[in-house]
Every structure is written in C-alpha cells, then in structure tokens.
C-alpha atoms as a PDB file:
ATOM      1  CA  MET A   1     169.471  86.892 115.536  1.00  0.00           C
ATOM      2  CA  THR A   2     166.225  87.588 117.403  1.00  0.00           C
ATOM      3  CA  SER A   3     163.062  88.287 115.437  1.00  0.00           C
ATOM      4  CA  ARG A   4     161.583  91.753 115.608  1.00  0.00           C
ATOM      5  CA  GLU A   5     157.894  92.599 115.959  1.00  0.00           C
ATOM      6  CA  THR A   6     157.914  95.661 113.725  1.00  0.00           C
ATOM      7  CA  LYS A   7     157.171  95.092 110.050  1.00  0.00           C
ATOM      8  CA  PRO A   8     160.063  95.938 107.708  1.00  0.00           C
ATOM      9  CA  TRP A   9     159.591  98.504 104.948  1.00  0.00           C
ATOM     10  CA  ASN A  10     161.794  99.797 102.164  1.00  0.00           C
ATOM     11  CA  LEU A  11     162.767 103.375 101.406  1.00  0.00           C
ATOM     12  CA  GLU A  12     161.002 103.433  98.034  1.00  0.00           C
ATOM     13  CA  GLN A  13     157.668 102.441  99.608  1.00  0.00           C
ATOM     14  CA  PHE A  14     158.084 105.093 102.298  1.00  0.00           C
ATOM     15  CA  LEU A  15     158.949 107.858  99.827  1.00  0.00           C
ATOM     16  CA  ASP A  16     156.131 106.788  97.477  1.00  0.00           C
ATOM     17  CA  SER A  17     153.628 107.000 100.340  1.00  0.00           C
ATOM     18  CA  LEU A  18     155.022 110.323 101.551  1.00  0.00           C
ATOM     19  CA  ILE A  19     154.997 111.875  98.069  1.00  0.00           C
ATOM     20  CA  LEU A  20     151.493 110.547  97.444  1.00  0.00           C
ATOM     21  CA  GLU A  21     150.201 112.308 100.559  1.00  0.00           C
ATOM     22  CA  LEU A  22     151.960 115.513  99.479  1.00  0.00           C
ATOM     23  CA  ASP A  23     150.406 115.202  96.010  1.00  0.00           C
ATOM     24  CA  LYS A  24     146.949 114.872  97.597  1.00  0.00           C
ATOM     25  CA  ALA A  25     147.578 118.022  99.625  1.00  0.00           C
ATOM     26  CA  GLN A  26     148.724 119.847  96.478  1.00  0.00           C
ATOM     27  CA  ASP A  27     145.592 118.768  94.585  1.00  0.00           C
ATOM     28  CA  THR A  28     143.432 120.018  97.458  1.00  0.00           C
ATOM     29  CA  LEU A  29     145.149 123.418  97.395  1.00  0.00           C
ATOM     30  CA  ALA A  30     144.770 123.600  93.612  1.00  0.00           C
ATOM     31  CA  LEU A  31     141.011 123.138  93.923  1.00  0.00           C
ATOM     32  CA  LYS A  32     140.815 125.562  96.835  1.00  0.00           C
ATOM     33  CA  GLY A  33     142.624 128.173  94.759  1.00  0.00           C
ATOM     34  CA  LEU A  34     139.635 128.289  92.394  1.00  0.00           C
ATOM     35  CA  THR A  35     137.294 129.479  95.142  1.00  0.00           C
ATOM     36  CA  ARG A  36     139.408 131.712  97.360  1.00  0.00           C
ATOM     37  CA  LYS A  37     142.731 133.504  97.443  1.00  0.00           C
ATOM     38  CA  LEU A  38     145.408 131.480  99.221  1.00  0.00           C
ATOM     39  CA  THR A  39     147.141 133.499 101.918  1.00  0.00           C
ATOM     40  CA  TYR A  40     149.497 130.943 103.431  1.00  0.00           C
ATOM     41  CA  THR A  41     152.300 128.581 102.522  1.00  0.00           C
ATOM     42  CA  VAL A  42     153.509 125.263 103.885  1.00  0.00           C
ATOM     43  CA  LYS A  43     156.462 125.793 106.218  1.00  0.00           C
ATOM     44  CA  ASP A  44     159.645 123.768 106.013  1.00  0.00           C
ATOM     45  CA  VAL A  45     159.267 120.413 107.744  1.00  0.00           C
ATOM     46  CA  GLY A  46     162.053 118.210 109.062  1.00  0.00           C
ATOM     47  CA  LEU A  47     161.511 114.500 109.623  1.00  0.00           C
ATOM     48  CA  ASP A  48     163.927 112.240 111.517  1.00  0.00           C
ATOM     49  CA  LEU A  49     163.443 108.475 111.688  1.00  0.00           C
ATOM     50  CA  ASN A  50     165.285 106.123 114.031  1.00  0.00           C
ATOM     51  CA  ILE A  51     165.598 102.818 112.201  1.00  0.00           C
ATOM     52  CA  PHE A  52     167.429  99.521 111.885  1.00  0.00           C
ATOM     53  CA  PRO A  53     168.548  98.666 108.332  1.00  0.00           C
ATOM     54  CA  VAL A  54     167.732  95.077 107.354  1.00  0.00           C
ATOM     55  CA  LEU A  55     168.875  93.215 104.244  1.00  0.00           C
ATOM     56  CA  GLU A  56     166.179  90.862 102.869  1.00  0.00           C
ATOM     57  CA  ASP A  57     166.461  89.058  99.533  1.00  0.00           C
ATOM     58  CA  GLY A  58     169.133  91.458  98.374  1.00  0.00           C
ATOM     59  CA  LYS A  59     167.008  94.526  99.202  1.00  0.00           C
ATOM     60  CA  VAL A  60     167.558  97.030 101.978  1.00  0.00           C
ATOM     61  CA  LYS A  61     164.574  97.445 104.276  1.00  0.00           C
ATOM     62  CA  PHE A  62     164.067  99.290 107.528  1.00  0.00           C
ATOM     63  CA  GLN A  63     162.474  98.582 110.880  1.00  0.00           C
ATOM     64  CA  MET A  64     161.526 101.271 113.371  1.00  0.00           C
ATOM     65  CA  VAL A  65     163.427 101.559 116.641  1.00  0.00           C
ATOM     66  CA  LYS A  66     161.119 100.742 119.530  1.00  0.00           C
ATOM     67  CA  PRO A  67     161.147 102.753 122.792  1.00  0.00           C
ATOM     68  CA  GLY A  68     164.189 101.895 124.907  1.00  0.00           C
ATOM     69  CA  GLU A  69     166.175 100.299 122.087  1.00  0.00           C
ATOM     70  CA  SER A  70     169.599 101.566 121.122  1.00  0.00           C
ATOM     71  CA  GLY A  71     171.951 101.044 118.221  1.00  0.00           C
ATOM     72  CA  GLY A  72     169.588 102.313 115.555  1.00  0.00           C
ATOM     73  CA  SER A  73     170.492 104.597 112.702  1.00  0.00           C
ATOM     74  CA  ARG A  74     168.934 107.949 111.904  1.00  0.00           C
ATOM     75  CA  ILE A  75     167.604 108.976 108.521  1.00  0.00           C
ATOM     76  CA  SER A  76     166.492 112.564 107.964  1.00  0.00           C
ATOM     77  CA  PHE A  77     164.165 114.173 105.430  1.00  0.00           C
ATOM     78  CA  GLN A  78     163.863 117.891 104.832  1.00  0.00           C
ATOM     79  CA  LEU A  79     160.639 118.997 103.139  1.00  0.00           C
ATOM     80  CA  GLY A  80     160.972 122.428 101.565  1.00  0.00           C
ATOM     81  CA  SER A  81     158.229 125.033 101.516  1.00  0.00           C
ATOM     82  CA  ILE A  82     156.072 125.734  98.480  1.00  0.00           C
ATOM     83  CA  THR A  83     153.949 128.798  97.815  1.00  0.00           C
ATOM     84  CA  ASP A  84     150.419 129.044  96.468  1.00  0.00           C
ATOM     85  CA  ARG A  85     151.832 130.590  93.289  1.00  0.00           C
ATOM     86  CA  GLN A  86     154.117 127.598  92.734  1.00  0.00           C
ATOM     87  CA  ILE A  87     151.183 125.251  93.284  1.00  0.00           C
ATOM     88  CA  ARG A  88     149.035 127.059  90.719  1.00  0.00           C
ATOM     89  CA  GLU A  89     151.902 127.038  88.187  1.00  0.00           C
ATOM     90  CA  ASN A  90     152.867 123.371  88.634  1.00  0.00           C
ATOM     91  CA  ALA A  91     149.805 121.462  89.828  1.00  0.00           C
ATOM     92  CA  ASN A  92     147.632 119.546  87.392  1.00  0.00           C
ATOM     93  CA  GLU A  93     144.371 121.116  86.334  1.00  0.00           C
ATOM     94  CA  PRO A  94     141.282 119.732  88.112  1.00  0.00           C
ATOM     95  CA  PRO A  95     139.593 116.869  86.211  1.00  0.00           C
ATOM     96  CA  ASN A  96     137.044 117.874  83.564  1.00  0.00           C
ATOM     97  CA  ASN A  97     133.862 116.118  82.467  1.00  0.00           C
ATOM     98  CA  ASP A  98     135.661 114.057  79.812  1.00  0.00           C
ATOM     99  CA  ASP A  99     138.346 112.825  82.190  1.00  0.00           C
ATOM    100  CA  VAL A 100     137.972 109.554  84.101  1.00  0.00           C
ATOM    101  CA  GLU A 101     139.693 109.189  87.459  1.00  0.00           C
ATOM    102  CA  LEU A 102     141.253 105.818  88.246  1.00  0.00           C
ATOM    103  CA  ASP A 103     139.487 105.779  91.614  1.00  0.00           C
ATOM    104  CA  SER A 104     136.176 105.466  89.736  1.00  0.00           C
ATOM    105  CA  LEU A 105     137.266 102.193  88.080  1.00  0.00           C
ATOM    106  CA  ASP A 106     135.644  99.775  90.517  1.00  0.00           C
ATOM    107  CA  ASP A 107     136.994  96.618  88.850  1.00  0.00           C
ATOM    108  CA  MET A 108     140.572  97.831  88.636  1.00  0.00           C
ATOM    109  CA  ASP A 109     143.130  95.891  90.673  1.00  0.00           C
ATOM    110  CA  ALA A 110     143.922  97.892  93.815  1.00  0.00           C
ATOM    111  CA  ASP A 111     147.681  97.217  93.627  1.00  0.00           C
ATOM    112  CA  VAL A 112     147.791  98.299  89.985  1.00  0.00           C
ATOM    113  CA  ARG A 113     145.890 101.503  90.829  1.00  0.00           C
ATOM    114  CA  ASP A 114     148.228 102.253  93.754  1.00  0.00           C
ATOM    115  CA  SER A 115     151.318 101.661  91.623  1.00  0.00           C
ATOM    116  CA  LEU A 116     150.047 104.153  89.040  1.00  0.00           C
ATOM    117  CA  ARG A 117     149.208 106.724  91.712  1.00  0.00           C
ATOM    118  CA  LYS A 118     152.761 106.462  93.025  1.00  0.00           C
ATOM    119  CA  VAL A 119     154.064 107.808  89.709  1.00  0.00           C
ATOM    120  CA  GLY A 120     151.435 110.553  89.544  1.00  0.00           C
ATOM    121  CA  VAL A 121     148.874 108.801  87.336  1.00  0.00           C
ATOM    122  CA  THR A 122     145.384 109.431  88.727  1.00  0.00           C
ATOM    123  CA  SER A 123     143.243 109.825  85.610  1.00  0.00           C
ATOM    124  CA  THR A 124     142.936 108.998  81.918  1.00  0.00           C
ATOM    125  CA  ARG A 125     144.432 112.374  81.095  1.00  0.00           C
ATOM    126  CA  ASP A 126     147.645 111.320  82.863  1.00  0.00           C
ATOM    127  CA  LEU A 127     147.658 108.013  80.978  1.00  0.00           C
ATOM    128  CA  ASP A 128     147.232 109.817  77.656  1.00  0.00           C
ATOM    129  CA  ARG A 129     150.072 112.177  78.511  1.00  0.00           C
ATOM    130  CA  LEU A 130     152.438 109.279  79.248  1.00  0.00           C
ATOM    131  CA  ASP A 131     151.296 107.392  76.155  1.00  0.00           C
ATOM    132  CA  LYS A 132     152.187 110.382  73.970  1.00  0.00           C
ATOM    133  CA  ARG A 133     155.671 110.297  75.482  1.00  0.00           C
ATOM    134  CA  ASN A 134     155.907 106.551  74.749  1.00  0.00           C
ATOM    135  CA  VAL A 135     156.282 105.614  78.425  1.00  0.00           C
ATOM    136  CA  ASN A 136     155.940 101.874  79.107  1.00  0.00           C
ATOM    137  CA  ILE A 137     153.216 101.906  81.779  1.00  0.00           C
ATOM    138  CA  GLU A 138     153.180  98.103  81.970  1.00  0.00           C
ATOM    139  CA  LYS A 139     156.852  98.102  83.000  1.00  0.00           C
ATOM    140  CA  VAL A 140     156.175 100.787  85.624  1.00  0.00           C
ATOM    141  CA  VAL A 141     153.403  98.686  87.196  1.00  0.00           C
ATOM    142  CA  LYS A 142     155.630  95.599  87.312  1.00  0.00           C
ATOM    143  CA  GLU A 143     158.449  97.535  88.973  1.00  0.00           C
ATOM    144  CA  LYS A 144     156.168  99.146  91.555  1.00  0.00           C
ATOM    145  CA  THR A 145     154.511  95.827  92.459  1.00  0.00           C
ATOM    146  CA  GLY A 146     157.735  93.825  92.546  1.00  0.00           C
ATOM    147  CA  GLY A 147     156.701  91.905  89.435  1.00  0.00           C
ATOM    148  CA  GLU A 148     153.562  90.541  91.130  1.00  0.00           C
ATOM    149  CA  LYS A 149     151.065  92.486  89.011  1.00  0.00           C
ATOM    150  CA  SER A 150     150.881  93.535  85.388  1.00  0.00           C
ATOM    151  CA  LEU A 151     148.748  95.953  83.417  1.00  0.00           C
ATOM    152  CA  ASP A 152     146.592  94.688  80.555  1.00  0.00           C
ATOM    153  CA  TYR A 153     145.945  97.583  78.179  1.00  0.00           C
ATOM    154  CA  THR A 154     142.810  95.986  76.726  1.00  0.00           C
ATOM    155  CA  ASP A 155     141.279  95.393  80.150  1.00  0.00           C
ATOM    156  CA  LEU A 156     142.202  98.913  81.234  1.00  0.00           C
ATOM    157  CA  ALA A 157     140.636 100.430  78.097  1.00  0.00           C
ATOM    158  CA  ASN A 158     137.423  98.492  78.738  1.00  0.00           C
ATOM    159  CA  LEU A 159     137.286  99.692  82.348  1.00  0.00           C
ATOM    160  CA  ILE A 160     137.849 103.287  81.253  1.00  0.00           C
ATOM    161  CA  ASN A 161     135.195 103.121  78.520  1.00  0.00           C
ATOM    162  CA  LYS A 162     132.731 101.577  80.954  1.00  0.00           C
ATOM    163  CA  ALA A 163     133.340 104.339  83.523  1.00  0.00           C
ATOM    164  CA  ARG A 164     133.203 107.045  80.845  1.00  0.00           C
ATOM    165  CA  ARG A 165     129.886 105.707  79.575  1.00  0.00           C
ATOM    166  CA  ARG A 166     128.453 105.839  83.113  1.00  0.00           C
ATOM    167  CA  LYS A 167     129.268 109.547  83.168  1.00  0.00           C
ATOM    168  CA  LEU A 168     128.192 110.337  79.598  1.00  0.00           C
ATOM    169  CA  SER A 169     125.007 108.525  78.660  1.00  0.00           C
ATOM    170  CA  PRO A 170     123.706 108.972  75.068  1.00  0.00           C
ATOM    171  CA  GLN A 171     121.005 111.608  74.564  1.00  0.00           C
ATOM    172  CA  LEU A 172     118.776 111.839  71.478  1.00  0.00           C
ATOM    173  CA  SER A 173     117.394 115.261  70.568  1.00  0.00           C
ATOM    174  CA  ASN A 174     115.787 114.585  67.163  1.00  0.00           C
ATOM    175  CA  LEU A 175     115.516 112.075  64.312  1.00  0.00           C
ATOM    176  CA  SER A 176     114.877 112.706  60.631  1.00  0.00           C
ATOM    177  CA  ALA A 177     114.382 110.433  57.609  1.00  0.00           C
ATOM    178  CA  ARG A 178     115.235 110.904  53.920  1.00  0.00           C
ATOM    179  CA  GLU A 179     113.941 108.517  51.271  1.00  0.00           C
ATOM    180  CA  GLN A 180     116.211 106.997  48.640  1.00  0.00           C
ATOM    181  CA  ASP A 181     115.506 104.537  45.823  1.00  0.00           C
ATOM    182  CA  GLU A 182     116.070 101.316  47.744  1.00  0.00           C
ATOM    183  CA  ALA A 183     116.722 102.589  51.233  1.00  0.00           C
ATOM    184  CA  ILE A 184     115.860 105.201  53.836  1.00  0.00           C
ATOM    185  CA  GLU A 185     118.550 107.342  55.407  1.00  0.00           C
ATOM    186  CA  LEU A 186     117.986 108.053  59.089  1.00  0.00           C
ATOM    187  CA  THR A 187     119.820 110.885  60.849  1.00  0.00           C
ATOM    188  CA  LEU A 188     119.950 111.092  64.643  1.00  0.00           C
ATOM    189  CA  HIS A 189     121.165 114.202  66.427  1.00  0.00           C
ATOM    190  CA  GLY A 190     122.053 114.344  70.106  1.00  0.00           C
ATOM    191  CA  HIS A 191     124.949 114.061  72.520  1.00  0.00           C
ATOM    192  CA  ASN A 192     127.466 111.423  73.625  1.00  0.00           C
ATOM    193  CA  PHE A 193     126.768 108.983  70.804  1.00  0.00           C
ATOM    194  CA  VAL A 194     130.353 107.923  70.052  1.00  0.00           C
ATOM    195  CA  LEU A 195     132.906 108.418  72.836  1.00  0.00           C
ATOM    196  CA  GLN A 196     135.772 106.568  71.125  1.00  0.00           C
ATOM    197  CA  GLN A 197     136.181 105.457  67.543  1.00  0.00           C
ATOM    198  CA  SER A 198     136.143 101.700  66.966  1.00  0.00           C
ATOM    199  CA  ALA A 199     136.129  99.303  64.026  1.00  0.00           C
ATOM    200  CA  THR A 200     133.320  97.325  65.657  1.00  0.00           C
ATOM    201  CA  TYR A 201     131.054 100.042  67.030  1.00  0.00           C
ATOM    202  CA  PRO A 202     128.603 101.555  66.492  1.00  0.00           C
ATOM    203  CA  ALA A 203     126.488  98.830  64.884  1.00  0.00           C
ATOM    204  CA  ALA A 204     122.775  99.029  64.048  1.00  0.00           C
ATOM    205  CA  THR A 205     119.905  96.696  63.176  1.00  0.00           C
ATOM    206  CA  VAL A 206     116.293  97.241  62.123  1.00  0.00           C
ATOM    207  CA  ASN A 207     113.981  94.345  62.918  1.00  0.00           C
ATOM    208  CA  ASN A 208     117.152  92.299  63.568  1.00  0.00           C
ATOM    209  CA  LEU A 209     118.467  93.024  60.048  1.00  0.00           C
ATOM    210  CA  PRO A 210     121.739  94.988  59.692  1.00  0.00           C
ATOM    211  CA  ALA A 211     121.660  98.703  58.849  1.00  0.00           C
ATOM    212  CA  GLU A 212     124.708 100.453  57.388  1.00  0.00           C
ATOM    213  CA  ILE A 213     126.409 103.140  59.458  1.00  0.00           C
ATOM    214  CA  LEU A 214     127.174 106.047  57.127  1.00  0.00           C
ATOM    215  CA  HIS A 215     128.549 108.453  59.715  1.00  0.00           C
ATOM    216  CA  ALA A 216     129.067 108.400  63.477  1.00  0.00           C
ATOM    217  CA  ASP A 217     130.437 110.922  65.941  1.00  0.00           C
ATOM    218  CA  ALA A 218     129.486 112.301  69.336  1.00  0.00           C
ATOM    219  CA  GLY A 219     126.603 114.408  68.045  1.00  0.00           C
ATOM    220  CA  GLU A 220     125.331 112.699  64.892  1.00  0.00           C
ATOM    221  CA  LEU A 221     124.525 109.231  63.570  1.00  0.00           C
ATOM    222  CA  ARG A 222     123.489 108.534  59.973  1.00  0.00           C
ATOM    223  CA  LEU A 223     122.118 105.111  59.027  1.00  0.00           C
ATOM    224  CA  LYS A 224     121.123 103.522  55.736  1.00  0.00           C
ATOM    225  CA  VAL A 225     118.170 101.181  56.198  1.00  0.00           C
ATOM    226  CA  PRO A 226     117.155  98.892  53.294  1.00  0.00           C
ATOM    227  CA  ARG A 227     113.484  99.187  52.417  1.00  0.00           C
ATOM    228  CA  ASP A 228     112.992  95.425  52.637  1.00  0.00           C
ATOM    229  CA  ALA A 229     114.035  95.594  56.305  1.00  0.00           C
ATOM    230  CA  LEU A 230     111.043  97.792  57.100  1.00  0.00           C
ATOM    231  CA  LYS A 231     107.490  96.627  57.574  1.00  0.00           C
ATOM    232  CA  THR A 232     104.183  98.410  57.930  1.00  0.00           C
ATOM    233  CA  GLY A 233     103.625  99.647  61.474  1.00  0.00           C
ATOM    234  CA  SER A 234     106.252  99.349  64.211  1.00  0.00           C
ATOM    235  CA  ASN A 235     109.933  98.735  63.439  1.00  0.00           C
ATOM    236  CA  ALA A 236     112.549  98.025  66.096  1.00  0.00           C
ATOM    237  CA  LEU A 237     115.730 100.079  65.649  1.00  0.00           C
ATOM    238  CA  SER A 238     118.655  99.023  67.823  1.00  0.00           C
ATOM    239  CA  ILE A 239     121.995 100.866  67.845  1.00  0.00           C
ATOM    240  CA  ALA A 240     124.929  99.495  69.867  1.00  0.00           C
ATOM    241  CA  LEU A 241     127.122 102.551  70.407  1.00  0.00           C
ATOM    242  CA  ASP A 242     129.700 100.519  72.344  1.00  0.00           C
ATOM    243  CA  PRO A 243     129.642  97.460  74.628  1.00  0.00           C
ATOM    244  CA  TYR A 244     128.043  99.543  77.393  1.00  0.00           C
ATOM    245  CA  ALA A 245     125.405 101.619  75.580  1.00  0.00           C
ATOM    246  CA  VAL A 246     122.559 100.459  73.336  1.00  0.00           C
ATOM    247  CA  VAL A 247     119.876 102.795  71.969  1.00  0.00           C
ATOM    248  CA  GLN A 248     116.475 101.215  71.325  1.00  0.00           C
ATOM    249  CA  LEU A 249     113.901 103.101  69.209  1.00  0.00           C
ATOM    250  CA  ASN A 250     110.495 102.234  67.788  1.00  0.00           C
ATOM    251  CA  LEU A 251     110.029 103.490  64.206  1.00  0.00           C
ATOM    252  CA  GLN A 252     106.587 103.849  62.666  1.00  0.00           C
ATOM    253  CA  SER A 253     106.369 103.170  58.943  1.00  0.00           C
END
C-alpha cells in the first residue's frame, strides 16, 4: 500500500469543526439582531466530499481525493436553512458582565478549551448549566481529546476566578467604625468585594494581627478588630478578598 500525502481526519473532527463554525455564525447573528432588524436567512447549502476511507487503530478516518485520482467515495452533507426568528429563539444570550468566556482564560490548555467549545461550552454560564444537569465535563474532555487531556475542576475554578477578578476589581465607597467594649467594628461598603463564597476568604489582619470577619458579600464587609491590635497613629488594614485581590488601607487611630 502506497503512502498518501494528505493528512487523514475522522468524521467526528470534521463535524465538530463544521458545527463550531456554524455556532460562531449564529452567535454573530444573535449579536447583530440587537442592533438592527435581520432581513435575510441562510440558504440551504449542499456539501459533497470525495474521500478515501482509511481504518487506523480501529477508527475510520478519511483522506481527500487529490486531482486526477479515482476510486474515491462520496459523502454528502445537506445544511438546512434557518431564519432570524429561529436564531433569536434558540441562540444563547450574549455574555453579561458576570460571565467569563473561556477564550479569556489565558492559562487554559488549548486542547481542553477546544474540546469544550465543540460541545457548545464557551463561558462559565455554559459550565454552570451543565453542572446543574450533572453532566460529567471531565469525561467529555477525555472523549474529545482521545484520552490525552483531562479537566481539573480545581484548576479550572482558579482560572475562572482569576479572570473574573480581572474584570471586577473591588471598589470601596465608604468606611465606618463603631466602638464596642473590647473591639471596634469596621464596616466597608462598595462593590465587587466577594465574588464567590469560600471557607478561606475573605481574611483580614490589622497590623499583622487577625481580625474577625463578621459578614462578607459583594457590597459589604464587616470586621471585628480587637482594641489591643490597634495603636496610636497609623494602622495597616489588609483584607484578602480572594487569592487575586487584596485591599490595603491605612487606619488612623
């Protein structure tokens, strides 16, 4: 058997790539529909491929027929039309400010990202939707990468939190203090303090001594600072909201 110059490919890879391009076109039309009325539809498209089936490692792959070759097989695809109304009814909503797109995760493995895109996962909203349906994303990644890559949920969560923090930096609007017998309660108001609840974060110190977190959410932080942690003059308040955001304040006592 003579070797062929064309690189073999399998049907799943071809369909994944084709569907991915169609999904991109659908997302573009969904965004365009927010700014102008769509007045056209995609016409039916027929696609015929002349190929040679090849069996490699128990899997069927295909090689393209080169000009002048004969004996190839033909495989046909018929792409049906879709209207702007169908796109608006079925396409995902455009990403919002709280959503993180997988393309923004710079440290994410490219093969893992591509395998997720092939099943329609492009953002954290898609991941949350699959998680609620108890879909095993790790198994999907292994199947799409032929078992060569796996998905570590902890690493993925860290990448997502890091990207989300880049988009939503903490903002302090005001700070107030209330005296107690042996402590001072500090209340900070602002935005984007806590993006995701954690048993470890937030954590606070005053002059390198621990301060108790009484309450923490996106818009408010309440801390209990022991009086013996404070000194006359400047006091260094440090609040680690998560591994990627630390608020540093100088308190005057």
